[in-house]
């Protein structure tokens, strides 16, 4: 039982922390792989939430990059960069302290 809890913590934290490995598709590949290899429902929910967060970041970055033309895009991209660093840290802390509850990011669209 304790081993399952530790594995849940590890996989859940890895899903949310994958964004720190790379800003490319490698960071999306880790939650996708975990989503398919685990049977743990909490880990699956954390993997889906991590994927949704990544997808939202890419969409927001594309929109904000277009807004550079009207001078508001740069501050929005800076804010997005800060949030893309802080929010996964909050998620990791949460899943390590509350391993039986999946973390939910605020203000994102859920596609997966």
PDB file of N, CA and C in Angstrom:
ATOM      1  N   UNK A   1       0.828  -1.197   0.000  1.00  0.00           N
ATOM      2  CA  UNK A   1       0.000   0.000   0.000  1.00  0.00           C
ATOM      3  C   UNK A   1       0.869   1.255   0.000  1.00  0.00           C
ATOM      4  N   UNK A   2       1.886   1.284   0.826  1.00  0.00           N
ATOM      5  CA  UNK A   2       2.787   2.433   0.899  1.00  0.00           C
ATOM      6  C   UNK A   2       3.543   2.615  -0.410  1.00  0.00           C
ATOM      7  N   UNK A   3       3.893   1.481  -1.044  1.00  0.00           N
ATOM      8  CA  UNK A   3       4.606   1.550  -2.324  1.00  0.00           C
ATOM      9  C   UNK A   3       3.709   2.168  -3.400  1.00  0.00           C
ATOM     10  N   UNK A   4       2.412   1.829  -3.386  1.00  0.00           N
ATOM     11  CA  UNK A   4       1.472   2.406  -4.348  1.00  0.00           C
ATOM     12  C   UNK A   4       1.335   3.911  -4.150  1.00  0.00           C
ATOM     13  N   UNK A   5       1.318   4.347  -2.904  1.00  0.00           N
ATOM     14  CA  UNK A   5       1.217   5.776  -2.601  1.00  0.00           C
ATOM     15  C   UNK A   5       2.462   6.517  -3.075  1.00  0.00           C
ATOM     16  N   UNK A   6       3.632   5.924  -2.855  1.00  0.00           N
ATOM     17  CA  UNK A   6       4.875   6.557  -3.307  1.00  0.00           C
ATOM     18  C   UNK A   6       4.927   6.615  -4.839  1.00  0.00           C
ATOM     19  N   UNK A   7       4.465   5.566  -5.488  1.00  0.00           N
ATOM     20  CA  UNK A   7       4.436   5.546  -6.947  1.00  0.00           C
ATOM     21  C   UNK A   7       3.449   6.598  -7.469  1.00  0.00           C
ATOM     22  N   UNK A   8       2.315   6.741  -6.800  1.00  0.00           N
ATOM     23  CA  UNK A   8       1.332   7.759  -7.175  1.00  0.00           C
ATOM     24  C   UNK A   8       1.946   9.152  -7.063  1.00  0.00           C
ATOM     25  N   UNK A   9       2.638   9.398  -5.956  1.00  0.00           N
ATOM     26  CA  UNK A   9       3.290  10.703  -5.769  1.00  0.00           C
ATOM     27  C   UNK A   9       4.326  10.964  -6.858  1.00  0.00           C
ATOM     28  N   UNK A  10       5.147   9.951  -7.135  1.00  0.00           N
ATOM     29  CA  UNK A  10       6.212  10.100  -8.126  1.00  0.00           C
ATOM     30  C   UNK A  10       5.654  10.384  -9.516  1.00  0.00           C
ATOM     31  N   UNK A  11       4.704   9.568  -9.967  1.00  0.00           N
ATOM     32  CA  UNK A  11       4.141   9.745 -11.311  1.00  0.00           C
ATOM     33  C   UNK A  11       3.363  11.053 -11.424  1.00  0.00           C
ATOM     34  N   UNK A  12       2.611  11.415 -10.394  1.00  0.00           N
ATOM     35  CA  UNK A  12       1.847  12.661 -10.427  1.00  0.00           C
ATOM     36  C   UNK A  12       2.787  13.866 -10.481  1.00  0.00           C
ATOM     37  N   UNK A  13       3.827  13.850  -9.664  1.00  0.00           N
ATOM     38  CA  UNK A  13       4.796  14.944  -9.667  1.00  0.00           C
ATOM     39  C   UNK A  13       5.551  14.998 -10.993  1.00  0.00           C
ATOM     40  N   UNK A  14       5.853  13.844 -11.553  1.00  0.00           N
ATOM     41  CA  UNK A  14       6.549  13.790 -12.841  1.00  0.00           C
ATOM     42  C   UNK A  14       5.688  14.374 -13.959  1.00  0.00           C
ATOM     43  N   UNK A  15       4.398  14.115 -13.920  1.00  0.00           N
ATOM     44  CA  UNK A  15       3.495  14.691 -14.926  1.00  0.00           C
ATOM     45  C   UNK A  15       3.546  16.214 -14.905  1.00  0.00           C
ATOM     46  N   UNK A  16       3.424  16.784 -13.714  1.00  0.00           N
ATOM     47  CA  UNK A  16       3.401  18.238 -13.602  1.00  0.00           C
ATOM     48  C   UNK A  16       4.789  18.850 -13.772  1.00  0.00           C
ATOM     49  N   UNK A  17       5.820  18.126 -13.399  1.00  0.00           N
ATOM     50  CA  UNK A  17       7.176  18.644 -13.516  1.00  0.00           C
ATOM     51  C   UNK A  17       7.797  18.449 -14.883  1.00  0.00           C
ATOM     52  N   UNK A  18       7.111  17.751 -15.771  1.00  0.00           N
ATOM     53  CA  UNK A  18       7.657  17.481 -17.108  1.00  0.00           C
ATOM     54  C   UNK A  18       7.942  18.764 -17.878  1.00  0.00           C
ATOM     55  N   UNK A  19       7.234  19.814 -17.565  1.00  0.00           N
ATOM     56  CA  UNK A  19       7.422  21.078 -18.269  1.00  0.00           C
ATOM     57  C   UNK A  19       8.829  21.645 -18.047  1.00  0.00           C
ATOM     58  N   UNK A  20       9.468  21.255 -16.969  1.00  0.00           N
ATOM     59  CA  UNK A  20      10.812  21.748 -16.671  1.00  0.00           C
ATOM     60  C   UNK A  20      11.902  21.006 -17.440  1.00  0.00           C
ATOM     61  N   UNK A  21      11.560  19.856 -18.028  1.00  0.00           N
ATOM     62  CA  UNK A  21      12.546  19.108 -18.797  1.00  0.00           C
ATOM     63  C   UNK A  21      12.808  19.755 -20.143  1.00  0.00           C
ATOM     64  N   UNK A  22      11.765  20.311 -20.737  1.00  0.00           N
ATOM     65  CA  UNK A  22      11.885  20.879 -22.068  1.00  0.00           C
ATOM     66  C   UNK A  22      10.605  21.644 -22.366  1.00  0.00           C
ATOM     67  N   UNK A  23      10.713  22.662 -23.192  1.00  0.00           N
ATOM     68  CA  UNK A  23       9.502  23.380 -23.581  1.00  0.00           C
ATOM     69  C   UNK A  23       8.962  22.851 -24.906  1.00  0.00           C
ATOM     70  N   UNK A  24       9.547  21.771 -25.386  1.00  0.00           N
ATOM     71  CA  UNK A  24       9.098  21.191 -26.651  1.00  0.00           C
ATOM     72  C   UNK A  24       8.161  20.026 -26.371  1.00  0.00           C
ATOM     73  N   UNK A  25       8.025  19.169 -27.340  1.00  0.00           N
ATOM     74  CA  UNK A  25       7.080  18.059 -27.225  1.00  0.00           C
ATOM     75  C   UNK A  25       7.540  16.976 -26.260  1.00  0.00           C
ATOM     76  N   UNK A  26       8.778  17.020 -25.820  1.00  0.00           N
ATOM     77  CA  UNK A  26       9.243  16.058 -24.813  1.00  0.00           C
ATOM     78  C   UNK A  26       8.452  16.236 -23.523  1.00  0.00           C
ATOM     79  N   UNK A  27       8.175  17.487 -23.175  1.00  0.00           N
ATOM     80  CA  UNK A  27       7.430  17.747 -21.941  1.00  0.00           C
ATOM     81  C   UNK A  27       5.986  17.262 -22.040  1.00  0.00           C
ATOM     82  N   UNK A  28       5.451  17.161 -23.234  1.00  0.00           N
ATOM     83  CA  UNK A  28       4.104  16.615 -23.419  1.00  0.00           C
ATOM     84  C   UNK A  28       4.151  15.093 -23.474  1.00  0.00           C
ATOM     85  N   UNK A  29       5.237  14.551 -23.973  1.00  0.00           N
ATOM     86  CA  UNK A  29       5.366  13.100 -24.108  1.00  0.00           C
ATOM     87  C   UNK A  29       5.366  12.369 -22.786  1.00  0.00           C
ATOM     88  N   UNK A  30       5.927  12.978 -21.760  1.00  0.00           N
ATOM     89  CA  UNK A  30       5.995  12.327 -20.449  1.00  0.00           C
ATOM     90  C   UNK A  30       4.597  12.098 -19.866  1.00  0.00           C
ATOM     91  N   UNK A  31       3.733  13.129 -19.781  1.00  0.00           N
ATOM     92  CA  UNK A  31       2.376  12.857 -19.273  1.00  0.00           C
ATOM     93  C   UNK A  31       1.576  11.896 -20.157  1.00  0.00           C
ATOM     94  N   UNK A  32       1.809  11.962 -21.481  1.00  0.00           N
ATOM     95  CA  UNK A  32       1.103  11.030 -22.368  1.00  0.00           C
ATOM     96  C   UNK A  32       1.529   9.594 -22.068  1.00  0.00           C
ATOM     97  N   UNK A  33       2.829   9.386 -21.906  1.00  0.00           N
ATOM     98  CA  UNK A  33       3.330   8.042 -21.601  1.00  0.00           C
ATOM     99  C   UNK A  33       2.783   7.553 -20.266  1.00  0.00           C
ATOM    100  N   UNK A  34       2.798   8.414 -19.265  1.00  0.00           N
ATOM    101  CA  UNK A  34       2.285   8.033 -17.944  1.00  0.00           C
ATOM    102  C   UNK A  34       0.792   7.738 -18.017  1.00  0.00           C
ATOM    103  N   UNK A  35       0.069   8.511 -18.817  1.00  0.00           N
ATOM    104  CA  UNK A  35      -1.367   8.291 -18.983  1.00  0.00           C
ATOM    105  C   UNK A  35      -1.653   6.891 -19.505  1.00  0.00           C
ATOM    106  N   UNK A  36      -0.803   6.389 -20.398  1.00  0.00           N
ATOM    107  CA  UNK A  36      -1.036   5.074 -20.989  1.00  0.00           C
ATOM    108  C   UNK A  36      -0.468   3.912 -20.178  1.00  0.00           C
ATOM    109  N   UNK A  37       0.545   4.160 -19.343  1.00  0.00           N
ATOM    110  CA  UNK A  37       1.149   3.031 -18.624  1.00  0.00           C
ATOM    111  C   UNK A  37       0.568   2.793 -17.239  1.00  0.00           C
ATOM    112  N   UNK A  38      -0.141   3.762 -16.689  1.00  0.00           N
ATOM    113  CA  UNK A  38      -0.642   3.588 -15.330  1.00  0.00           C
ATOM    114  C   UNK A  38      -2.122   3.217 -15.325  1.00  0.00           C
ATOM    115  N   UNK A  39      -2.512   2.532 -14.287  1.00  0.00           N
ATOM    116  CA  UNK A  39      -3.926   2.206 -14.064  1.00  0.00           C
ATOM    117  C   UNK A  39      -4.506   3.014 -12.913  1.00  0.00           C
ATOM    118  N   UNK A  40      -3.671   3.812 -12.263  1.00  0.00           N
ATOM    119  CA  UNK A  40      -4.086   4.606 -11.108  1.00  0.00           C
ATOM    120  C   UNK A  40      -4.950   5.782 -11.582  1.00  0.00           C
ATOM    121  N   UNK A  41      -6.198   5.876 -11.108  1.00  0.00           N
ATOM    122  CA  UNK A  41      -7.088   6.949 -11.580  1.00  0.00           C
ATOM    123  C   UNK A  41      -6.615   8.352 -11.200  1.00  0.00           C
ATOM    124  N   UNK A  42      -5.970   8.506 -10.047  1.00  0.00           N
ATOM    125  CA  UNK A  42      -5.475   9.821  -9.636  1.00  0.00           C
ATOM    126  C   UNK A  42      -4.314  10.254 -10.528  1.00  0.00           C
ATOM    127  N   UNK A  43      -3.423   9.336 -10.832  1.00  0.00           N
ATOM    128  CA  UNK A  43      -2.295   9.641 -11.709  1.00  0.00           C
ATOM    129  C   UNK A  43      -2.803   9.978 -13.111  1.00  0.00           C
ATOM    130  N   UNK A  44      -3.798   9.239 -13.584  1.00  0.00           N
ATOM    131  CA  UNK A  44      -4.376   9.524 -14.902  1.00  0.00           C
ATOM    132  C   UNK A  44      -4.965  10.935 -14.945  1.00  0.00           C
ATOM    133  N   UNK A  45      -5.663  11.327 -13.895  1.00  0.00           N
ATOM    134  CA  UNK A  45      -6.235  12.679 -13.840  1.00  0.00           C
ATOM    135  C   UNK A  45      -5.141  13.742 -13.815  1.00  0.00           C
ATOM    136  N   UNK A  46      -4.064  13.481 -13.064  1.00  0.00           N
ATOM    137  CA  UNK A  46      -2.946  14.430 -13.039  1.00  0.00           C
ATOM    138  C   UNK A  46      -2.270  14.520 -14.405  1.00  0.00           C
ATOM    139  N   UNK A  47      -2.150  13.398 -15.104  1.00  0.00           N
ATOM    140  CA  UNK A  47      -1.554  13.403 -16.447  1.00  0.00           C
ATOM    141  C   UNK A  47      -2.427  14.206 -17.409  1.00  0.00           C
ATOM    142  N   UNK A  48      -3.736  14.007 -17.352  1.00  0.00           N
ATOM    143  CA  UNK A  48      -4.643  14.768 -18.214  1.00  0.00           C
ATOM    144  C   UNK A  48      -4.579  16.258 -17.910  1.00  0.00           C
ATOM    145  N   UNK A  49      -4.531  16.590 -16.644  1.00  0.00           N
ATOM    146  CA  UNK A  49      -4.477  18.002 -16.250  1.00  0.00           C
ATOM    147  C   UNK A  49      -3.172  18.635 -16.715  1.00  0.00           C
ATOM    148  N   UNK A  50      -2.085  17.906 -16.600  1.00  0.00           N
ATOM    149  CA  UNK A  50      -0.797  18.398 -17.080  1.00  0.00           C
ATOM    150  C   UNK A  50      -0.830  18.617 -18.588  1.00  0.00           C
ATOM    151  N   UNK A  51      -1.407  17.685 -19.322  1.00  0.00           N
ATOM    152  CA  UNK A  51      -1.538  17.843 -20.775  1.00  0.00           C
ATOM    153  C   UNK A  51      -2.384  19.060 -21.126  1.00  0.00           C
ATOM    154  N   UNK A  52      -3.479  19.234 -20.423  1.00  0.00           N
ATOM    155  CA  UNK A  52      -4.316  20.406 -20.661  1.00  0.00           C
ATOM    156  C   UNK A  52      -3.558  21.705 -20.392  1.00  0.00           C
ATOM    157  N   UNK A  53      -2.760  21.715 -19.344  1.00  0.00           N
ATOM    158  CA  UNK A  53      -1.963  22.897 -19.020  1.00  0.00           C
ATOM    159  C   UNK A  53      -0.972  23.197 -20.147  1.00  0.00           C
ATOM    160  N   UNK A  54      -0.300  22.157 -20.645  1.00  0.00           N
ATOM    161  CA  UNK A  54       0.647  22.335 -21.752  1.00  0.00           C
ATOM    162  C   UNK A  54      -0.055  22.887 -22.996  1.00  0.00           C
ATOM    163  N   UNK A  55      -1.177  22.293 -23.342  1.00  0.00           N
ATOM    164  CA  UNK A  55      -1.918  22.728 -24.532  1.00  0.00           C
ATOM    165  C   UNK A  55      -2.333  24.186 -24.389  1.00  0.00           C
ATOM    166  N   UNK A  56      -2.829  24.544 -23.215  1.00  0.00           N
ATOM    167  CA  UNK A  56      -3.224  25.929 -22.968  1.00  0.00           C
ATOM    168  C   UNK A  56      -2.041  26.875 -23.088  1.00  0.00           C
ATOM    169  N   UNK A  57      -0.889  26.474 -22.571  1.00  0.00           N
ATOM    170  CA  UNK A  57       0.297  27.331 -22.681  1.00  0.00           C
ATOM    171  C   UNK A  57       0.662  27.587 -24.137  1.00  0.00           C
ATOM    172  N   UNK A  58       0.620  26.560 -24.957  1.00  0.00           N
ATOM    173  CA  UNK A  58       0.943  26.725 -26.383  1.00  0.00           C
ATOM    174  C   UNK A  58      -0.065  27.642 -27.073  1.00  0.00           C
ATOM    175  N   UNK A  59      -1.334  27.482 -26.764  1.00  0.00           N
ATOM    176  CA  UNK A  59      -2.367  28.330 -27.372  1.00  0.00           C
ATOM    177  C   UNK A  59      -2.190  29.778 -26.943  1.00  0.00           C
ATOM    178  N   UNK A  60      -2.021  29.994 -25.633  1.00  0.00           N
ATOM    179  CA  UNK A  60      -1.837  31.361 -25.138  1.00  0.00           C
ATOM    180  C   UNK A  60      -0.570  31.991 -25.703  1.00  0.00           C
ATOM    181  N   UNK A  61       0.504  31.229 -25.803  1.00  0.00           N
ATOM    182  CA  UNK A  61       1.755  31.761 -26.349  1.00  0.00           C
ATOM    183  C   UNK A  61       1.569  32.198 -27.798  1.00  0.00           C
ATOM    184  N   UNK A  62       0.847  31.411 -28.579  1.00  0.00           N
ATOM    185  CA  UNK A  62       0.605  31.771 -29.976  1.00  0.00           C
ATOM    186  C   UNK A  62      -0.226  33.056 -30.073  1.00  0.00           C
ATOM    187  N   UNK A  63      -1.259  33.145 -29.257  1.00  0.00           N
ATOM    188  CA  UNK A  63      -2.105  34.346 -29.267  1.00  0.00           C
ATOM    189  C   UNK A  63      -1.307  35.563 -28.809  1.00  0.00           C
ATOM    190  N   UNK A  64      -0.560  35.433 -27.733  1.00  0.00           N
ATOM    191  CA  UNK A  64       0.208  36.563 -27.215  1.00  0.00           C
ATOM    192  C   UNK A  64       1.312  36.974 -28.177  1.00  0.00           C
ATOM    193  N   UNK A  65       1.884  36.011 -28.893  1.00  0.00           N
ATOM    194  CA  UNK A  65       2.910  36.334 -29.887  1.00  0.00           C
ATOM    195  C   UNK A  65       2.305  37.188 -31.002  1.00  0.00           C
ATOM    196  N   UNK A  66       1.079  36.899 -31.393  1.00  0.00           N
ATOM    197  CA  UNK A  66       0.406  37.723 -32.388  1.00  0.00           C
ATOM    198  C   UNK A  66       0.114  39.129 -31.863  1.00  0.00           C
ATOM    199  N   UNK A  67      -0.096  39.229 -30.564  1.00  0.00           N
ATOM    200  CA  UNK A  67      -0.403  40.529 -29.959  1.00  0.00           C
ATOM    201  C   UNK A  67       0.841  41.408 -29.801  1.00  0.00           C
ATOM    202  N   UNK A  68       2.002  40.872 -30.113  1.00  0.00           N
ATOM    203  CA  UNK A  68       3.219  41.694 -30.083  1.00  0.00           C
ATOM    204  C   UNK A  68       3.070  42.868 -31.046  1.00  0.00           C
ATOM    205  N   UNK A  69       2.334  42.652 -32.105  1.00  0.00           N
ATOM    206  CA  UNK A  69       2.128  43.704 -33.098  1.00  0.00           C
ATOM    207  C   UNK A  69       1.420  44.926 -32.520  1.00  0.00           C
ATOM    208  N   UNK A  70       0.638  44.732 -31.474  1.00  0.00           N
ATOM    209  CA  UNK A  70      -0.061  45.860 -30.851  1.00  0.00           C
ATOM    210  C   UNK A  70       0.526  46.204 -29.477  1.00  0.00           C
ATOM    211  N   UNK A  71       1.734  45.762 -29.221  1.00  0.00           N
ATOM    212  CA  UNK A  71       2.555  46.135 -28.062  1.00  0.00           C
ATOM    213  C   UNK A  71       2.109  45.563 -26.721  1.00  0.00           C
ATOM    214  N   UNK A  72       1.010  44.856 -26.653  1.00  0.00           N
ATOM    215  CA  UNK A  72       0.605  44.265 -25.376  1.00  0.00           C
ATOM    216  C   UNK A  72       1.100  42.821 -25.260  1.00  0.00           C
ATOM    217  N   UNK A  73       1.556  42.258 -26.358  1.00  0.00           N
ATOM    218  CA  UNK A  73       1.974  40.863 -26.370  1.00  0.00           C
ATOM    219  C   UNK A  73       3.179  40.556 -25.517  1.00  0.00           C
ATOM    220  N   UNK A  74       4.145  41.469 -25.478  1.00  0.00           N
ATOM    221  CA  UNK A  74       5.372  41.205 -24.709  1.00  0.00           C
ATOM    222  C   UNK A  74       5.089  41.075 -23.218  1.00  0.00           C
ATOM    223  N   UNK A  75       4.350  42.011 -22.589  1.00  0.00           N
ATOM    224  CA  UNK A  75       4.048  41.808 -21.161  1.00  0.00           C
ATOM    225  C   UNK A  75       3.231  40.538 -20.897  1.00  0.00           C
ATOM    226  N   UNK A  76       2.337  40.214 -21.814  1.00  0.00           N
ATOM    227  CA  UNK A  76       1.541  39.003 -21.638  1.00  0.00           C
ATOM    228  C   UNK A  76       2.404  37.752 -21.756  1.00  0.00           C
ATOM    229  N   UNK A  77       3.372  37.763 -22.667  1.00  0.00           N
ATOM    230  CA  UNK A  77       4.291  36.622 -22.786  1.00  0.00           C
ATOM    231  C   UNK A  77       5.162  36.480 -21.542  1.00  0.00           C
ATOM    232  N   UNK A  78       5.574  37.604 -20.976  1.00  0.00           N
ATOM    233  CA  UNK A  78       6.366  37.559 -19.734  1.00  0.00           C
ATOM    234  C   UNK A  78       5.518  36.974 -18.601  1.00  0.00           C
ATOM    235  N   UNK A  79       4.283  37.429 -18.498  1.00  0.00           N
ATOM    236  CA  UNK A  79       3.376  36.894 -17.479  1.00  0.00           C
ATOM    237  C   UNK A  79       3.149  35.400 -17.683  1.00  0.00           C
ATOM    238  N   UNK A  80       2.974  34.991 -18.926  1.00  0.00           N
ATOM    239  CA  UNK A  80       2.788  33.573 -19.235  1.00  0.00           C
ATOM    240  C   UNK A  80       4.014  32.753 -18.851  1.00  0.00           C
ATOM    241  N   UNK A  81       5.202  33.297 -19.097  1.00  0.00           N
ATOM    242  CA  UNK A  81       6.443  32.594 -18.726  1.00  0.00           C
ATOM    243  C   UNK A  81       6.530  32.421 -17.208  1.00  0.00           C
ATOM    244  N   UNK A  82       6.154  33.450 -16.478  1.00  0.00           N
ATOM    245  CA  UNK A  82       6.184  33.375 -15.012  1.00  0.00           C
ATOM    246  C   UNK A  82       5.186  32.325 -14.513  1.00  0.00           C
ATOM    247  N   UNK A  83       3.971  32.374 -15.067  1.00  0.00           N
ATOM    248  CA  UNK A  83       2.950  31.401 -14.652  1.00  0.00           C
ATOM    249  C   UNK A  83       3.318  29.976 -15.038  1.00  0.00           C
ATOM    250  N   UNK A  84       3.979  29.810 -16.182  1.00  0.00           N
ATOM    251  CA  UNK A  84       4.367  28.455 -16.602  1.00  0.00           C
ATOM    252  C   UNK A  84       5.470  27.886 -15.727  1.00  0.00           C
ATOM    253  N   UNK A  85       6.104  28.732 -14.943  1.00  0.00           N
ATOM    254  CA  UNK A  85       7.116  28.280 -13.992  1.00  0.00           C
ATOM    255  C   UNK A  85       6.504  28.052 -12.605  1.00  0.00           C
ATOM    256  N   UNK A  86       5.642  28.961 -12.171  1.00  0.00           N
ATOM    257  CA  UNK A  86       5.090  28.907 -10.814  1.00  0.00           C
ATOM    258  C   UNK A  86       4.000  27.841 -10.665  1.00  0.00           C
ATOM    259  N   UNK A  87       3.096  27.764 -11.635  1.00  0.00           N
ATOM    260  CA  UNK A  87       1.955  26.844 -11.499  1.00  0.00           C
ATOM    261  C   UNK A  87       2.361  25.373 -11.400  1.00  0.00           C
ATOM    262  N   UNK A  88       3.313  24.882 -12.202  1.00  0.00           N
ATOM    263  CA  UNK A  88       3.719  23.476 -12.012  1.00  0.00           C
ATOM    264  C   UNK A  88       4.366  23.217 -10.650  1.00  0.00           C
ATOM    265  N   UNK A  89       5.067  24.203 -10.109  1.00  0.00           N
ATOM    266  CA  UNK A  89       5.653  24.038  -8.775  1.00  0.00           C
ATOM    267  C   UNK A  89       4.545  23.887  -7.737  1.00  0.00           C
ATOM    268  N   UNK A  90       3.517  24.713  -7.856  1.00  0.00           N
ATOM    269  CA  UNK A  90       2.372  24.603  -6.950  1.00  0.00           C
ATOM    270  C   UNK A  90       1.714  23.230  -7.109  1.00  0.00           C
ATOM    271  N   UNK A  91       1.587  22.772  -8.345  1.00  0.00           N
ATOM    272  CA  UNK A  91       0.974  21.454  -8.607  1.00  0.00           C
ATOM    273  C   UNK A  91       1.804  20.332  -7.981  1.00  0.00           C
ATOM    274  N   UNK A  92       3.116  20.403  -8.133  1.00  0.00           N
ATOM    275  CA  UNK A  92       3.984  19.363  -7.559  1.00  0.00           C
ATOM    276  C   UNK A  92       3.857  19.332  -6.041  1.00  0.00           C
ATOM    277  N   UNK A  93       3.888  20.496  -5.421  1.00  0.00           N
ATOM    278  CA  UNK A  93       3.742  20.564  -3.962  1.00  0.00           C
ATOM    279  C   UNK A  93       2.395  19.976  -3.541  1.00  0.00           C
ATOM    280  N   UNK A  94       1.351  20.295  -4.292  1.00  0.00           N
ATOM    281  CA  UNK A  94       0.015  19.791  -3.960  1.00  0.00           C
ATOM    282  C   UNK A  94      -0.062  18.270  -4.068  1.00  0.00           C
ATOM    283  N   UNK A  95       0.427  17.709  -5.185  1.00  0.00           N
ATOM    284  CA  UNK A  95       0.297  16.252  -5.356  1.00  0.00           C
ATOM    285  C   UNK A  95       1.180  15.477  -4.387  1.00  0.00           C
ATOM    286  N   UNK A  96       2.251  16.097  -3.913  1.00  0.00           N
ATOM    287  CA  UNK A  96       3.079  15.428  -2.909  1.00  0.00           C
ATOM    288  C   UNK A  96       2.447  15.497  -1.521  1.00  0.00           C
ATOM    289  N   UNK A  97       1.704  16.572  -1.248  1.00  0.00           N
ATOM    290  CA  UNK A  97       1.086  16.699   0.070  1.00  0.00           C
ATOM    291  C   UNK A  97      -0.313  16.080   0.123  1.00  0.00           C
ATOM    292  N   UNK A  98      -1.007  16.035  -1.009  1.00  0.00           N
ATOM    293  CA  UNK A  98      -2.345  15.435  -1.105  1.00  0.00           C
ATOM    294  C   UNK A  98      -2.357  14.387  -2.213  1.00  0.00           C
ATOM    295  N   UNK A  99      -1.719  13.241  -2.009  1.00  0.00           N
ATOM    296  CA  UNK A  99      -1.576  12.274  -3.114  1.00  0.00           C
ATOM    297  C   UNK A  99      -2.874  11.618  -3.560  1.00  0.00           C
ATOM    298  N   UNK A 100      -3.917  11.698  -2.767  1.00  0.00           N
ATOM    299  CA  UNK A 100      -5.175  11.053  -3.142  1.00  0.00           C
ATOM    300  C   UNK A 100      -6.122  11.979  -3.904  1.00  0.00           C
ATOM    301  N   UNK A 101      -5.695  13.223  -4.128  1.00  0.00           N
ATOM    302  CA  UNK A 101      -6.505  14.192  -4.858  1.00  0.00           C
ATOM    303  C   UNK A 101      -5.741  14.690  -6.079  1.00  0.00           C
ATOM    304  N   UNK A 102      -6.336  14.643  -7.260  1.00  0.00           N
ATOM    305  CA  UNK A 102      -5.652  15.202  -8.429  1.00  0.00           C
ATOM    306  C   UNK A 102      -5.646  16.731  -8.361  1.00  0.00           C
ATOM    307  N   UNK A 103      -4.603  17.334  -8.886  1.00  0.00           N
ATOM    308  CA  UNK A 103      -4.495  18.789  -8.907  1.00  0.00           C
ATOM    309  C   UNK A 103      -5.259  19.334 -10.103  1.00  0.00           C
ATOM    310  N   UNK A 104      -5.909  20.489  -9.918  1.00  0.00           N
ATOM    311  CA  UNK A 104      -6.641  21.143 -11.004  1.00  0.00           C
ATOM    312  C   UNK A 104      -6.092  22.557 -11.162  1.00  0.00           C
ATOM    313  N   UNK A 105      -5.587  22.856 -12.365  1.00  0.00           N
ATOM    314  CA  UNK A 105      -5.132  24.208 -12.666  1.00  0.00           C
ATOM    315  C   UNK A 105      -6.340  25.121 -12.841  1.00  0.00           C
ATOM    316  N   UNK A 106      -6.200  26.347 -12.373  1.00  0.00           N
ATOM    317  CA  UNK A 106      -7.265  27.337 -12.551  1.00  0.00           C
ATOM    318  C   UNK A 106      -7.119  28.005 -13.909  1.00  0.00           C
ATOM    319  N   UNK A 107      -8.223  28.457 -14.437  1.00  0.00           N
ATOM    320  CA  UNK A 107      -8.257  29.285 -15.642  1.00  0.00           C
ATOM    321  C   UNK A 107      -7.691  28.617 -16.895  1.00  0.00           C
ATOM    322  N   UNK A 108      -7.904  27.321 -17.025  1.00  0.00           N
ATOM    323  CA  UNK A 108      -7.482  26.658 -18.266  1.00  0.00           C
ATOM    324  C   UNK A 108      -8.685  25.960 -18.880  1.00  0.00           C
ATOM    325  N   UNK A 109      -8.610  25.749 -20.176  1.00  0.00           N
ATOM    326  CA  UNK A 109      -9.614  24.963 -20.879  1.00  0.00           C
ATOM    327  C   UNK A 109      -9.163  23.514 -20.848  1.00  0.00           C
ATOM    328  N   UNK A 110     -10.084  22.619 -20.661  1.00  0.00           N
ATOM    329  CA  UNK A 110      -9.747  21.198 -20.593  1.00  0.00           C
ATOM    330  C   UNK A 110     -10.144  20.516 -21.898  1.00  0.00           C
ATOM    331  N   UNK A 111      -9.142  20.128 -22.660  1.00  0.00           N
ATOM    332  CA  UNK A 111      -9.349  19.493 -23.955  1.00  0.00           C
ATOM    333  C   UNK A 111      -9.268  17.972 -23.867  1.00  0.00           C
ATOM    334  N   UNK A 112      -8.471  17.463 -22.925  1.00  0.00           N
ATOM    335  CA  UNK A 112      -8.241  16.026 -22.794  1.00  0.00           C
ATOM    336  C   UNK A 112      -9.055  15.502 -21.634  1.00  0.00           C
TER     337      UNK A 112
END
